[in-house]
Amino acid sequence: MATTVHEPSRIESPRRTERPSSGNGGWRARPPVTGGLPSVDDSSPASRTGVWVGLAAITMTFAAFTSAMIVRQGGSNDWQHFTLPSMLYVSTAVLLVSSAVLEVARKRVAACLKGGQTSHANASSWLWLTMGLGWLFVACQYLAWLSLRAEGMYLATNPSSSFFYLFTGLHAVHVIGGLAGLALVIWRFRKPLSTLRISTLSTVSYYWHFMAVLWIYLLLLLWMRV
């Protein structure tokens, strides 16, 4: 009786989707087709660690000056109280609005970089609005200094005025530093090719929100002490 031997079935290898590269006969994978602007959606722990270390240093600096102010006020009888310029309350509102606007900008820029429906121009406009509000805050602070000088209160007039100029001036310098970071974000987000990392924008946002919280603390401190 004859025995039938079946030929083993062949396993076909999957079809290659690469196309040969020119010149060397090798194979090259097809680049993926994606929408939106090219970006790196990273969450680098180094950037987060750096900003928290910086904010901790700023906190300790202002805490040290706060302690010096309380000791100076309690250790002498020459402390002169005065009314805070009304422009400070205007600048407070401006800074809080800028913080909210930057949060909107952060979400829209992230959506744009990920290929969402948010347009590049729309996201950029929110960044520029934040920048404008930041400079408006600095301008309001300068007007507050002019108002205080018009009342005869200068840096060396009294220990209370000295601490006022110290706190408001040092905070304004840090705000200008935040504006420099925001300018870097806008520059990297420019057309036609975006090199902005989402972690960079998040770092600037954390710093800016911290400046708003710090200013609320300083305003309350000055209102209670001077």
N, C-alpha and C. Protein backbone atom coordinates (compact mmCIF):
# COMPACT_ATOMS: atom_id res chain seq x y z
N MET A 1 0.85 -1.21 0.00
CA MET A 1 0.00 0.00 0.00
C MET A 1 0.87 1.24 0.00
N ALA A 2 0.63 2.11 -0.94
CA ALA A 2 1.47 3.31 -1.09
C ALA A 2 1.15 4.34 -0.04
N THR A 3 2.18 5.02 0.44
CA THR A 3 2.03 6.07 1.46
C THR A 3 2.21 7.43 0.82
N THR A 4 1.25 8.32 1.10
CA THR A 4 1.31 9.66 0.50
C THR A 4 2.00 10.61 1.46
N VAL A 5 3.04 11.24 1.01
CA VAL A 5 3.80 12.18 1.83
C VAL A 5 3.42 13.60 1.41
N HIS A 6 2.86 14.34 2.37
CA HIS A 6 2.44 15.72 2.07
C HIS A 6 3.61 16.68 2.25
N GLU A 7 3.73 17.57 1.33
CA GLU A 7 4.80 18.57 1.39
C GLU A 7 4.45 19.61 2.46
N PRO A 8 5.37 19.91 3.37
CA PRO A 8 5.09 20.90 4.43
C PRO A 8 4.74 22.26 3.83
N SER A 9 3.74 22.88 4.47
CA SER A 9 3.30 24.18 3.97
C SER A 9 4.36 25.23 4.20
N ARG A 10 4.46 26.15 3.26
CA ARG A 10 5.43 27.22 3.35
C ARG A 10 4.85 28.40 4.12
N ILE A 11 5.67 28.94 4.97
CA ILE A 11 5.27 30.13 5.73
C ILE A 11 5.85 31.34 5.02
N GLU A 12 4.94 32.12 4.50
CA GLU A 12 5.40 33.29 3.76
C GLU A 12 5.84 34.39 4.72
N SER A 13 6.97 34.97 4.43
CA SER A 13 7.45 36.08 5.25
C SER A 13 6.62 37.32 4.95
N PRO A 14 6.41 38.16 5.96
CA PRO A 14 5.61 39.37 5.72
C PRO A 14 6.25 40.26 4.67
N ARG A 15 5.35 40.89 3.92
CA ARG A 15 5.82 41.75 2.85
C ARG A 15 6.58 42.94 3.41
N ARG A 16 7.69 43.18 2.86
CA ARG A 16 8.52 44.28 3.34
C ARG A 16 7.93 45.59 2.84
N THR A 17 7.88 46.54 3.73
CA THR A 17 7.31 47.85 3.39
C THR A 17 8.37 48.89 3.18
N GLU A 18 9.66 48.45 3.30
CA GLU A 18 10.73 49.42 3.09
C GLU A 18 10.97 49.59 1.59
N ARG A 19 11.55 50.67 1.31
CA ARG A 19 11.95 50.93 -0.05
C ARG A 19 13.46 51.09 -0.11
N PRO A 20 14.07 50.66 -1.17
CA PRO A 20 15.54 50.72 -1.24
C PRO A 20 16.02 52.15 -1.26
N SER A 21 17.08 52.36 -0.52
CA SER A 21 17.70 53.69 -0.53
C SER A 21 18.59 53.79 -1.74
N SER A 22 18.79 54.98 -2.17
CA SER A 22 19.58 55.19 -3.38
C SER A 22 21.05 55.06 -3.08
N GLY A 23 21.74 54.30 -3.95
CA GLY A 23 23.19 54.30 -3.90
C GLY A 23 23.80 53.11 -3.20
N ASN A 24 23.16 52.53 -2.17
CA ASN A 24 23.84 51.46 -1.44
C ASN A 24 23.07 50.16 -1.46
N GLY A 25 21.89 50.12 -2.10
CA GLY A 25 21.17 48.87 -2.21
C GLY A 25 20.54 48.42 -0.92
N GLY A 26 20.63 49.19 0.12
CA GLY A 26 20.04 48.81 1.39
C GLY A 26 18.57 49.11 1.43
N TRP A 27 18.01 49.08 2.66
CA TRP A 27 16.59 49.33 2.82
C TRP A 27 16.42 50.45 3.81
N ARG A 28 15.42 51.25 3.60
CA ARG A 28 15.16 52.39 4.46
C ARG A 28 13.67 52.44 4.78
N ALA A 29 13.37 52.61 6.07
CA ALA A 29 11.98 52.65 6.48
C ALA A 29 11.33 53.94 6.02
N ARG A 30 10.05 53.83 5.67
CA ARG A 30 9.32 55.01 5.25
C ARG A 30 9.06 55.93 6.44
N PRO A 31 9.29 57.20 6.30
CA PRO A 31 9.05 58.11 7.42
C PRO A 31 7.56 58.23 7.68
N PRO A 32 7.15 58.26 8.94
CA PRO A 32 5.74 58.40 9.24
C PRO A 32 5.22 59.76 8.82
N VAL A 33 3.97 59.75 8.43
CA VAL A 33 3.32 60.98 8.01
C VAL A 33 2.47 61.47 9.17
N THR A 34 2.78 62.60 9.70
CA THR A 34 2.05 63.15 10.83
C THR A 34 1.65 64.57 10.51
N GLY A 35 0.66 65.04 11.21
CA GLY A 35 0.20 66.40 11.02
C GLY A 35 0.75 67.31 12.08
N GLY A 36 0.55 68.58 11.90
CA GLY A 36 0.97 69.55 12.90
C GLY A 36 2.43 69.92 12.77
N LEU A 37 2.89 70.71 13.71
CA LEU A 37 4.26 71.16 13.70
C LEU A 37 5.16 70.13 14.35
N PRO A 38 6.40 69.96 13.86
CA PRO A 38 7.31 69.04 14.49
C PRO A 38 7.71 69.53 15.87
N SER A 39 7.64 68.67 16.86
CA SER A 39 7.97 69.07 18.22
C SER A 39 8.41 67.86 19.01
N VAL A 40 8.89 68.09 20.18
CA VAL A 40 9.29 67.02 21.08
C VAL A 40 8.40 67.11 22.31
N ASP A 41 7.50 66.16 22.44
CA ASP A 41 6.59 66.15 23.59
C ASP A 41 7.29 65.41 24.72
N ASP A 42 8.17 66.09 25.39
CA ASP A 42 8.96 65.45 26.43
C ASP A 42 8.48 65.90 27.80
N SER A 43 8.84 65.13 28.76
CA SER A 43 8.57 65.50 30.15
C SER A 43 9.85 65.30 30.94
N SER A 44 10.86 66.06 30.56
CA SER A 44 12.19 65.90 31.12
C SER A 44 12.19 66.19 32.62
N PRO A 45 12.62 65.23 33.44
CA PRO A 45 12.69 65.50 34.88
C PRO A 45 13.74 66.54 35.23
N ALA A 46 14.74 66.71 34.36
CA ALA A 46 15.79 67.70 34.66
C ALA A 46 15.23 69.11 34.63
N SER A 47 14.35 69.40 33.67
CA SER A 47 13.77 70.74 33.59
C SER A 47 12.87 71.02 34.77
N ARG A 48 12.09 70.01 35.19
CA ARG A 48 11.23 70.20 36.36
C ARG A 48 12.05 70.39 37.62
N THR A 49 13.12 69.61 37.76
CA THR A 49 13.97 69.74 38.94
C THR A 49 14.63 71.11 38.98
N GLY A 50 15.10 71.57 37.82
CA GLY A 50 15.76 72.87 37.75
C GLY A 50 14.87 74.01 38.17
N VAL A 51 13.61 74.00 37.69
CA VAL A 51 12.72 75.11 38.03
C VAL A 51 12.35 75.08 39.50
N TRP A 52 12.19 73.89 40.08
CA TRP A 52 11.84 73.83 41.51
C TRP A 52 13.01 74.27 42.38
N VAL A 53 14.22 73.95 41.96
CA VAL A 53 15.39 74.42 42.71
C VAL A 53 15.48 75.93 42.64
N GLY A 54 15.24 76.49 41.46
CA GLY A 54 15.26 77.95 41.31
C GLY A 54 14.19 78.63 42.14
N LEU A 55 12.99 78.09 42.13
CA LEU A 55 11.91 78.68 42.91
C LEU A 55 12.18 78.56 44.41
N ALA A 56 12.81 77.47 44.82
CA ALA A 56 13.16 77.34 46.24
C ALA A 56 14.18 78.39 46.65
N ALA A 57 15.15 78.67 45.77
CA ALA A 57 16.15 79.70 46.07
C ALA A 57 15.51 81.08 46.18
N ILE A 58 14.57 81.37 45.26
CA ILE A 58 13.87 82.66 45.32
C ILE A 58 13.05 82.77 46.60
N THR A 59 12.40 81.68 46.99
CA THR A 59 11.61 81.68 48.22
C THR A 59 12.47 81.96 49.44
N MET A 60 13.63 81.34 49.50
CA MET A 60 14.51 81.56 50.65
C MET A 60 15.03 82.99 50.68
N THR A 61 15.28 83.57 49.49
CA THR A 61 15.75 84.95 49.44
C THR A 61 14.72 85.91 50.01
N PHE A 62 13.49 85.78 49.56
CA PHE A 62 12.44 86.67 50.06
C PHE A 62 12.09 86.37 51.51
N ALA A 63 12.24 85.13 51.94
CA ALA A 63 12.01 84.81 53.35
C ALA A 63 13.06 85.48 54.23
N ALA A 64 14.30 85.52 53.75
CA ALA A 64 15.36 86.17 54.51
C ALA A 64 15.11 87.67 54.62
N PHE A 65 14.68 88.31 53.53
CA PHE A 65 14.38 89.73 53.58
C PHE A 65 13.15 90.01 54.45
N THR A 66 12.19 89.10 54.45
CA THR A 66 11.02 89.27 55.32
C THR A 66 11.43 89.24 56.78
N SER A 67 12.28 88.29 57.12
CA SER A 67 12.77 88.21 58.50
C SER A 67 13.53 89.47 58.89
N ALA A 68 14.37 89.97 57.97
CA ALA A 68 15.12 91.20 58.26
C ALA A 68 14.19 92.39 58.44
N MET A 69 13.13 92.44 57.69
CA MET A 69 12.16 93.54 57.80
C MET A 69 11.46 93.51 59.15
N ILE A 70 11.03 92.34 59.59
CA ILE A 70 10.33 92.21 60.86
C ILE A 70 11.25 92.57 62.03
N VAL A 71 12.50 92.11 61.96
CA VAL A 71 13.46 92.42 63.02
C VAL A 71 13.76 93.91 63.05
N ARG A 72 13.94 94.52 61.86
CA ARG A 72 14.24 95.96 61.80
C ARG A 72 13.08 96.79 62.32
N GLN A 73 11.88 96.41 62.01
CA GLN A 73 10.73 97.18 62.47
C GLN A 73 10.54 97.06 63.98
N GLY A 74 10.78 95.90 64.53
CA GLY A 74 10.59 95.70 65.96
C GLY A 74 11.73 96.19 66.81
N GLY A 75 12.87 96.48 66.22
CA GLY A 75 14.03 96.85 67.01
C GLY A 75 14.31 98.33 67.07
N SER A 76 13.39 99.19 66.54
CA SER A 76 13.62 100.63 66.55
C SER A 76 12.29 101.37 66.60
N ASN A 77 12.38 102.66 66.85
CA ASN A 77 11.18 103.50 66.90
C ASN A 77 11.08 104.46 65.72
N ASP A 78 11.93 104.30 64.71
CA ASP A 78 11.92 105.22 63.58
C ASP A 78 11.15 104.71 62.38
N TRP A 79 10.40 103.64 62.58
CA TRP A 79 9.66 103.06 61.46
C TRP A 79 8.48 103.95 61.11
N GLN A 80 8.40 104.37 59.85
CA GLN A 80 7.35 105.29 59.41
C GLN A 80 6.36 104.57 58.51
N HIS A 81 5.10 104.57 58.91
CA HIS A 81 4.05 103.94 58.11
C HIS A 81 3.56 104.90 57.03
N PHE A 82 3.18 104.35 55.90
CA PHE A 82 2.63 105.17 54.81
C PHE A 82 1.63 104.34 54.03
N THR A 83 0.80 105.01 53.26
CA THR A 83 -0.23 104.34 52.46
C THR A 83 0.36 103.83 51.16
N LEU A 84 0.06 102.59 50.84
CA LEU A 84 0.57 102.01 49.60
C LEU A 84 -0.06 102.71 48.39
N PRO A 85 0.71 102.92 47.34
CA PRO A 85 0.15 103.52 46.12
C PRO A 85 -0.97 102.65 45.55
N SER A 86 -2.05 103.29 45.11
CA SER A 86 -3.19 102.55 44.57
C SER A 86 -2.84 101.79 43.29
N MET A 87 -1.78 102.20 42.61
CA MET A 87 -1.37 101.52 41.38
C MET A 87 -0.95 100.09 41.64
N LEU A 88 -0.55 99.78 42.87
CA LEU A 88 -0.16 98.42 43.19
C LEU A 88 -1.32 97.45 43.03
N TYR A 89 -2.52 97.89 43.32
CA TYR A 89 -3.67 97.02 43.19
C TYR A 89 -4.03 96.80 41.71
N VAL A 90 -3.78 97.81 40.90
CA VAL A 90 -3.97 97.64 39.46
C VAL A 90 -2.96 96.63 38.91
N SER A 91 -1.72 96.76 39.33
CA SER A 91 -0.69 95.83 38.85
C SER A 91 -0.97 94.41 39.32
N THR A 92 -1.56 94.27 40.50
CA THR A 92 -1.91 92.94 40.99
C THR A 92 -2.94 92.28 40.08
N ALA A 93 -3.97 93.05 39.70
CA ALA A 93 -4.98 92.51 38.78
C ALA A 93 -4.37 92.13 37.44
N VAL A 94 -3.45 92.96 36.95
CA VAL A 94 -2.81 92.69 35.67
C VAL A 94 -2.00 91.39 35.72
N LEU A 95 -1.27 91.18 36.80
CA LEU A 95 -0.44 89.98 36.91
C LEU A 95 -1.29 88.72 37.04
N LEU A 96 -2.39 88.81 37.77
CA LEU A 96 -3.27 87.65 37.91
C LEU A 96 -3.92 87.30 36.57
N VAL A 97 -4.33 88.31 35.82
CA VAL A 97 -4.91 88.06 34.50
C VAL A 97 -3.88 87.44 33.57
N SER A 98 -2.64 87.93 33.64
CA SER A 98 -1.59 87.39 32.78
C SER A 98 -1.31 85.92 33.10
N SER A 99 -1.42 85.55 34.37
CA SER A 99 -1.22 84.16 34.75
C SER A 99 -2.31 83.26 34.16
N ALA A 100 -3.56 83.76 34.19
CA ALA A 100 -4.65 82.99 33.59
C ALA A 100 -4.50 82.89 32.07
N VAL A 101 -4.08 83.98 31.44
CA VAL A 101 -3.88 84.00 29.99
C VAL A 101 -2.77 83.03 29.59
N LEU A 102 -1.70 82.98 30.37
CA LEU A 102 -0.60 82.07 30.05
C LEU A 102 -1.04 80.62 30.15
N GLU A 103 -1.93 80.32 31.08
CA GLU A 103 -2.42 78.95 31.19
C GLU A 103 -3.23 78.56 29.95
N VAL A 104 -4.03 79.50 29.45
CA VAL A 104 -4.75 79.25 28.20
C VAL A 104 -3.76 79.06 27.04
N ALA A 105 -2.72 79.91 27.01
CA ALA A 105 -1.70 79.81 25.97
C ALA A 105 -0.98 78.47 26.02
N ARG A 106 -0.69 78.01 27.23
CA ARG A 106 0.02 76.73 27.37
C ARG A 106 -0.79 75.58 26.78
N LYS A 107 -2.07 75.56 27.05
CA LYS A 107 -2.92 74.48 26.53
C LYS A 107 -3.05 74.56 25.02
N ARG A 108 -3.16 75.77 24.49
CA ARG A 108 -3.34 75.91 23.04
C ARG A 108 -2.05 75.62 22.28
N VAL A 109 -0.93 76.02 22.84
CA VAL A 109 0.34 75.70 22.19
C VAL A 109 0.58 74.20 22.20
N ALA A 110 0.29 73.55 23.33
CA ALA A 110 0.46 72.10 23.40
C ALA A 110 -0.43 71.39 22.39
N ALA A 111 -1.67 71.86 22.25
CA ALA A 111 -2.56 71.26 21.26
C ALA A 111 -2.05 71.48 19.84
N CYS A 112 -1.50 72.65 19.58
CA CYS A 112 -0.95 72.94 18.25
C CYS A 112 0.25 72.06 17.94
N LEU A 113 1.14 71.89 18.91
CA LEU A 113 2.33 71.08 18.69
C LEU A 113 2.00 69.61 18.49
N LYS A 114 0.88 69.16 19.08
CA LYS A 114 0.48 67.77 18.94
C LYS A 114 -0.37 67.52 17.70
N GLY A 115 -0.52 68.56 16.87
CA GLY A 115 -1.27 68.39 15.64
C GLY A 115 -2.76 68.56 15.80
N GLY A 116 -3.19 69.28 16.83
CA GLY A 116 -4.61 69.50 17.04
C GLY A 116 -5.17 70.54 16.10
N GLN A 117 -6.40 70.96 16.37
CA GLN A 117 -7.08 71.91 15.50
C GLN A 117 -6.75 73.36 15.83
N THR A 118 -6.04 73.59 16.94
CA THR A 118 -5.65 74.95 17.29
C THR A 118 -4.61 75.46 16.30
N SER A 119 -4.85 76.61 15.74
CA SER A 119 -3.94 77.16 14.74
C SER A 119 -2.70 77.76 15.41
N HIS A 120 -1.64 77.85 14.63
CA HIS A 120 -0.40 78.43 15.13
C HIS A 120 -0.59 79.89 15.49
N ALA A 121 -1.32 80.62 14.67
CA ALA A 121 -1.54 82.05 14.92
C ALA A 121 -2.35 82.27 16.19
N ASN A 122 -3.34 81.40 16.43
CA ASN A 122 -4.17 81.53 17.62
C ASN A 122 -3.35 81.29 18.88
N ALA A 123 -2.53 80.24 18.86
CA ALA A 123 -1.70 79.94 20.02
C ALA A 123 -0.67 81.04 20.26
N SER A 124 -0.08 81.56 19.20
CA SER A 124 0.91 82.62 19.35
C SER A 124 0.30 83.89 19.93
N SER A 125 -0.94 84.18 19.55
CA SER A 125 -1.57 85.41 20.05
C SER A 125 -1.73 85.40 21.56
N TRP A 126 -1.99 84.23 22.13
CA TRP A 126 -2.12 84.13 23.59
C TRP A 126 -0.77 84.32 24.27
N LEU A 127 0.29 83.83 23.65
CA LEU A 127 1.63 84.05 24.20
C LEU A 127 1.99 85.52 24.17
N TRP A 128 1.70 86.18 23.05
CA TRP A 128 2.00 87.61 22.94
C TRP A 128 1.16 88.44 23.92
N LEU A 129 -0.07 88.01 24.17
CA LEU A 129 -0.92 88.71 25.13
C LEU A 129 -0.33 88.60 26.53
N THR A 130 0.18 87.43 26.87
CA THR A 130 0.84 87.26 28.16
C THR A 130 2.05 88.16 28.28
N MET A 131 2.82 88.24 27.22
CA MET A 131 4.00 89.11 27.21
C MET A 131 3.60 90.57 27.42
N GLY A 132 2.56 91.01 26.74
CA GLY A 132 2.11 92.39 26.89
C GLY A 132 1.63 92.70 28.29
N LEU A 133 0.89 91.77 28.89
CA LEU A 133 0.42 91.97 30.26
C LEU A 133 1.58 91.99 31.26
N GLY A 134 2.60 91.19 30.98
CA GLY A 134 3.77 91.19 31.86
C GLY A 134 4.48 92.54 31.87
N TRP A 135 4.67 93.11 30.68
CA TRP A 135 5.30 94.44 30.61
C TRP A 135 4.39 95.52 31.19
N LEU A 136 3.08 95.33 31.08
CA LEU A 136 2.15 96.28 31.69
C LEU A 136 2.26 96.24 33.21
N PHE A 137 2.48 95.05 33.76
CA PHE A 137 2.70 94.94 35.21
C PHE A 137 3.93 95.72 35.63
N VAL A 138 5.03 95.55 34.89
CA VAL A 138 6.26 96.28 35.22
C VAL A 138 6.04 97.78 35.12
N ALA A 139 5.29 98.22 34.11
CA ALA A 139 4.99 99.65 33.96
C ALA A 139 4.17 100.17 35.12
N CYS A 140 3.20 99.38 35.58
CA CYS A 140 2.39 99.78 36.74
C CYS A 140 3.24 99.89 38.00
N GLN A 141 4.20 99.00 38.15
CA GLN A 141 5.10 99.09 39.30
C GLN A 141 5.92 100.38 39.24
N TYR A 142 6.37 100.73 38.07
CA TYR A 142 7.14 101.97 37.92
C TYR A 142 6.28 103.19 38.26
N LEU A 143 5.03 103.17 37.84
CA LEU A 143 4.13 104.27 38.17
C LEU A 143 3.88 104.34 39.67
N ALA A 144 3.85 103.19 40.32
CA ALA A 144 3.68 103.17 41.77
C ALA A 144 4.90 103.80 42.45
N TRP A 145 6.09 103.53 41.94
CA TRP A 145 7.29 104.16 42.50
C TRP A 145 7.27 105.67 42.30
N LEU A 146 6.83 106.11 41.12
CA LEU A 146 6.74 107.55 40.87
C LEU A 146 5.72 108.20 41.81
N SER A 147 4.63 107.51 42.07
CA SER A 147 3.62 108.05 42.98
C SER A 147 4.17 108.19 44.39
N LEU A 148 4.96 107.21 44.82
CA LEU A 148 5.53 107.26 46.16
C LEU A 148 6.59 108.36 46.25
N ARG A 149 7.37 108.52 45.19
CA ARG A 149 8.37 109.59 45.18
C ARG A 149 7.72 110.97 45.22
N ALA A 150 6.56 111.09 44.58
CA ALA A 150 5.85 112.38 44.60
C ALA A 150 5.42 112.76 46.01
N GLU A 151 5.27 111.76 46.87
CA GLU A 151 4.91 112.01 48.26
C GLU A 151 6.13 112.21 49.16
N GLY A 152 7.32 112.21 48.56
CA GLY A 152 8.54 112.42 49.33
C GLY A 152 9.13 111.18 49.95
N MET A 153 8.69 110.00 49.49
CA MET A 153 9.19 108.74 50.03
C MET A 153 10.18 108.14 49.03
N TYR A 154 11.48 108.21 49.38
CA TYR A 154 12.53 107.69 48.52
C TYR A 154 13.12 106.42 49.15
N LEU A 155 14.12 105.89 48.49
CA LEU A 155 14.73 104.65 48.96
C LEU A 155 15.34 104.83 50.35
N ALA A 156 16.00 105.97 50.59
CA ALA A 156 16.70 106.18 51.86
C ALA A 156 15.92 107.07 52.82
N THR A 157 14.65 107.35 52.55
CA THR A 157 13.88 108.23 53.42
C THR A 157 13.64 107.60 54.79
N ASN A 158 13.27 106.33 54.78
CA ASN A 158 12.92 105.63 56.02
C ASN A 158 13.15 104.14 55.81
N PRO A 159 13.39 103.37 56.88
CA PRO A 159 13.53 101.92 56.70
C PRO A 159 12.31 101.28 56.04
N SER A 160 11.12 101.81 56.32
CA SER A 160 9.92 101.23 55.71
C SER A 160 9.93 101.43 54.20
N SER A 161 10.29 102.62 53.73
CA SER A 161 10.35 102.86 52.29
C SER A 161 11.49 102.08 51.65
N SER A 162 12.57 101.89 52.38
CA SER A 162 13.68 101.10 51.85
C SER A 162 13.25 99.67 51.56
N PHE A 163 12.52 99.07 52.50
CA PHE A 163 12.06 97.70 52.29
C PHE A 163 10.99 97.65 51.19
N PHE A 164 10.19 98.70 51.08
CA PHE A 164 9.19 98.73 50.01
C PHE A 164 9.87 98.68 48.64
N TYR A 165 10.84 99.53 48.42
CA TYR A 165 11.54 99.55 47.13
C TYR A 165 12.32 98.25 46.92
N LEU A 166 12.85 97.70 48.00
CA LEU A 166 13.61 96.45 47.88
C LEU A 166 12.71 95.31 47.41
N PHE A 167 11.57 95.14 48.07
CA PHE A 167 10.69 94.03 47.73
C PHE A 167 10.09 94.19 46.34
N THR A 168 9.55 95.37 46.06
CA THR A 168 8.91 95.57 44.76
C THR A 168 9.93 95.57 43.62
N GLY A 169 11.10 96.14 43.84
CA GLY A 169 12.12 96.16 42.81
C GLY A 169 12.67 94.78 42.51
N LEU A 170 12.94 94.00 43.57
CA LEU A 170 13.48 92.66 43.37
C LEU A 170 12.47 91.76 42.69
N HIS A 171 11.21 91.93 43.04
CA HIS A 171 10.17 91.13 42.38
C HIS A 171 10.05 91.52 40.91
N ALA A 172 10.14 92.81 40.61
CA ALA A 172 10.06 93.26 39.21
C ALA A 172 11.20 92.69 38.38
N VAL A 173 12.38 92.59 38.97
CA VAL A 173 13.53 92.01 38.27
C VAL A 173 13.25 90.53 37.93
N HIS A 174 12.66 89.81 38.87
CA HIS A 174 12.34 88.40 38.62
C HIS A 174 11.23 88.27 37.56
N VAL A 175 10.29 89.21 37.55
CA VAL A 175 9.26 89.19 36.51
C VAL A 175 9.88 89.42 35.13
N ILE A 176 10.83 90.34 35.05
CA ILE A 176 11.52 90.57 33.78
C ILE A 176 12.27 89.31 33.35
N GLY A 177 12.82 88.56 34.31
CA GLY A 177 13.43 87.29 33.98
C GLY A 177 12.42 86.31 33.39
N GLY A 178 11.20 86.32 33.95
CA GLY A 178 10.15 85.48 33.39
C GLY A 178 9.75 85.91 31.99
N LEU A 179 9.77 87.23 31.74
CA LEU A 179 9.48 87.74 30.39
C LEU A 179 10.55 87.29 29.39
N ALA A 180 11.79 87.20 29.86
CA ALA A 180 12.86 86.70 28.98
C ALA A 180 12.61 85.24 28.62
N GLY A 181 12.18 84.44 29.59
CA GLY A 181 11.83 83.05 29.31
C GLY A 181 10.66 82.95 28.37
N LEU A 182 9.67 83.83 28.53
CA LEU A 182 8.52 83.83 27.63
C LEU A 182 8.93 84.22 26.22
N ALA A 183 9.86 85.17 26.11
CA ALA A 183 10.36 85.55 24.78
C ALA A 183 11.06 84.37 24.10
N LEU A 184 11.78 83.56 24.89
CA LEU A 184 12.42 82.37 24.33
C LEU A 184 11.38 81.39 23.80
N VAL A 185 10.28 81.22 24.54
CA VAL A 185 9.21 80.33 24.10
C VAL A 185 8.61 80.82 22.78
N ILE A 186 8.34 82.12 22.70
CA ILE A 186 7.76 82.68 21.47
C ILE A 186 8.72 82.53 20.30
N TRP A 187 10.00 82.74 20.55
CA TRP A 187 11.01 82.62 19.49
C TRP A 187 11.10 81.20 18.96
N ARG A 188 11.05 80.21 19.86
CA ARG A 188 11.14 78.81 19.43
C ARG A 188 9.85 78.33 18.78
N PHE A 189 8.75 79.02 19.06
CA PHE A 189 7.47 78.61 18.50
C PHE A 189 7.20 79.28 17.15
N ARG A 190 8.15 80.02 16.65
CA ARG A 190 7.95 80.80 15.44
C ARG A 190 7.81 79.88 14.23
N LYS A 191 7.28 80.43 13.13
CA LYS A 191 7.20 79.71 11.86
C LYS A 191 8.52 79.83 11.13
N PRO A 192 8.77 78.95 10.16
CA PRO A 192 7.95 77.84 9.71
C PRO A 192 8.21 76.54 10.46
N LEU A 193 9.24 76.48 11.31
CA LEU A 193 9.59 75.24 11.99
C LEU A 193 9.68 75.50 13.48
N SER A 194 8.92 74.77 14.25
CA SER A 194 8.92 74.95 15.69
C SER A 194 9.92 74.01 16.35
N THR A 195 10.78 74.54 17.20
CA THR A 195 11.72 73.73 17.97
C THR A 195 11.37 73.78 19.45
N LEU A 196 10.15 74.18 19.76
CA LEU A 196 9.73 74.33 21.15
C LEU A 196 9.41 72.98 21.76
N ARG A 197 9.93 72.76 22.95
CA ARG A 197 9.57 71.60 23.74
C ARG A 197 8.44 71.98 24.70
N ILE A 198 7.51 71.08 24.89
CA ILE A 198 6.41 71.35 25.79
C ILE A 198 6.92 71.54 27.22
N SER A 199 7.97 70.83 27.59
CA SER A 199 8.53 70.97 28.93
C SER A 199 9.09 72.38 29.15
N THR A 200 9.61 73.00 28.09
CA THR A 200 10.12 74.37 28.21
C THR A 200 8.98 75.33 28.52
N LEU A 201 7.88 75.20 27.81
CA LEU A 201 6.72 76.05 28.07
C LEU A 201 6.16 75.81 29.47
N SER A 202 6.13 74.55 29.91
CA SER A 202 5.63 74.25 31.25
C SER A 202 6.52 74.86 32.32
N THR A 203 7.83 74.83 32.10
CA THR A 203 8.76 75.42 33.06
C THR A 203 8.54 76.92 33.19
N VAL A 204 8.38 77.61 32.06
CA VAL A 204 8.11 79.05 32.09
C VAL A 204 6.77 79.32 32.77
N SER A 205 5.79 78.47 32.54
CA SER A 205 4.47 78.65 33.16
C SER A 205 4.55 78.52 34.68
N TYR A 206 5.27 77.50 35.16
CA TYR A 206 5.42 77.32 36.60
C TYR A 206 6.06 78.56 37.23
N TYR A 207 7.09 79.06 36.57
CA TYR A 207 7.80 80.24 37.09
C TYR A 207 6.87 81.45 37.12
N TRP A 208 6.10 81.64 36.06
CA TRP A 208 5.23 82.81 35.98
C TRP A 208 4.11 82.74 37.04
N HIS A 209 3.52 81.57 37.21
CA HIS A 209 2.49 81.42 38.23
C HIS A 209 3.07 81.66 39.63
N PHE A 210 4.30 81.23 39.83
CA PHE A 210 4.95 81.46 41.13
C PHE A 210 5.15 82.95 41.37
N MET A 211 5.49 83.70 40.33
CA MET A 211 5.65 85.15 40.48
C MET A 211 4.34 85.80 40.90
N ALA A 212 3.21 85.30 40.40
CA ALA A 212 1.91 85.85 40.79
C ALA A 212 1.62 85.55 42.26
N VAL A 213 1.88 84.32 42.68
CA VAL A 213 1.65 83.96 44.09
C VAL A 213 2.59 84.74 45.00
N LEU A 214 3.83 84.88 44.59
CA LEU A 214 4.80 85.63 45.39
C LEU A 214 4.38 87.09 45.54
N TRP A 215 3.85 87.67 44.47
CA TRP A 215 3.44 89.07 44.55
C TRP A 215 2.26 89.25 45.52
N ILE A 216 1.32 88.33 45.53
CA ILE A 216 0.21 88.40 46.48
C ILE A 216 0.75 88.39 47.91
N TYR A 217 1.73 87.53 48.16
CA TYR A 217 2.35 87.48 49.49
C TYR A 217 3.02 88.81 49.83
N LEU A 218 3.77 89.37 48.89
CA LEU A 218 4.48 90.62 49.15
C LEU A 218 3.50 91.78 49.37
N LEU A 219 2.43 91.80 48.60
CA LEU A 219 1.45 92.88 48.76
C LEU A 219 0.81 92.83 50.14
N LEU A 220 0.46 91.64 50.60
CA LEU A 220 -0.11 91.50 51.94
C LEU A 220 0.91 91.88 53.01
N LEU A 221 2.16 91.48 52.80
CA LEU A 221 3.20 91.80 53.77
C LEU A 221 3.40 93.31 53.88
N LEU A 222 3.49 93.98 52.72
CA LEU A 222 3.67 95.44 52.73
C LEU A 222 2.44 96.14 53.31
N TRP A 223 1.27 95.63 53.00
CA TRP A 223 0.04 96.25 53.51
C TRP A 223 -0.03 96.16 55.03
N MET A 224 0.47 95.07 55.59
CA MET A 224 0.41 94.90 57.06
C MET A 224 1.57 95.62 57.77
N ARG A 225 2.70 95.77 57.09
CA ARG A 225 3.90 96.26 57.79
C ARG A 225 4.22 97.72 57.54
N VAL A 226 3.98 98.21 56.33
CA VAL A 226 4.36 99.60 56.07
C VAL A 226 3.18 100.53 56.21
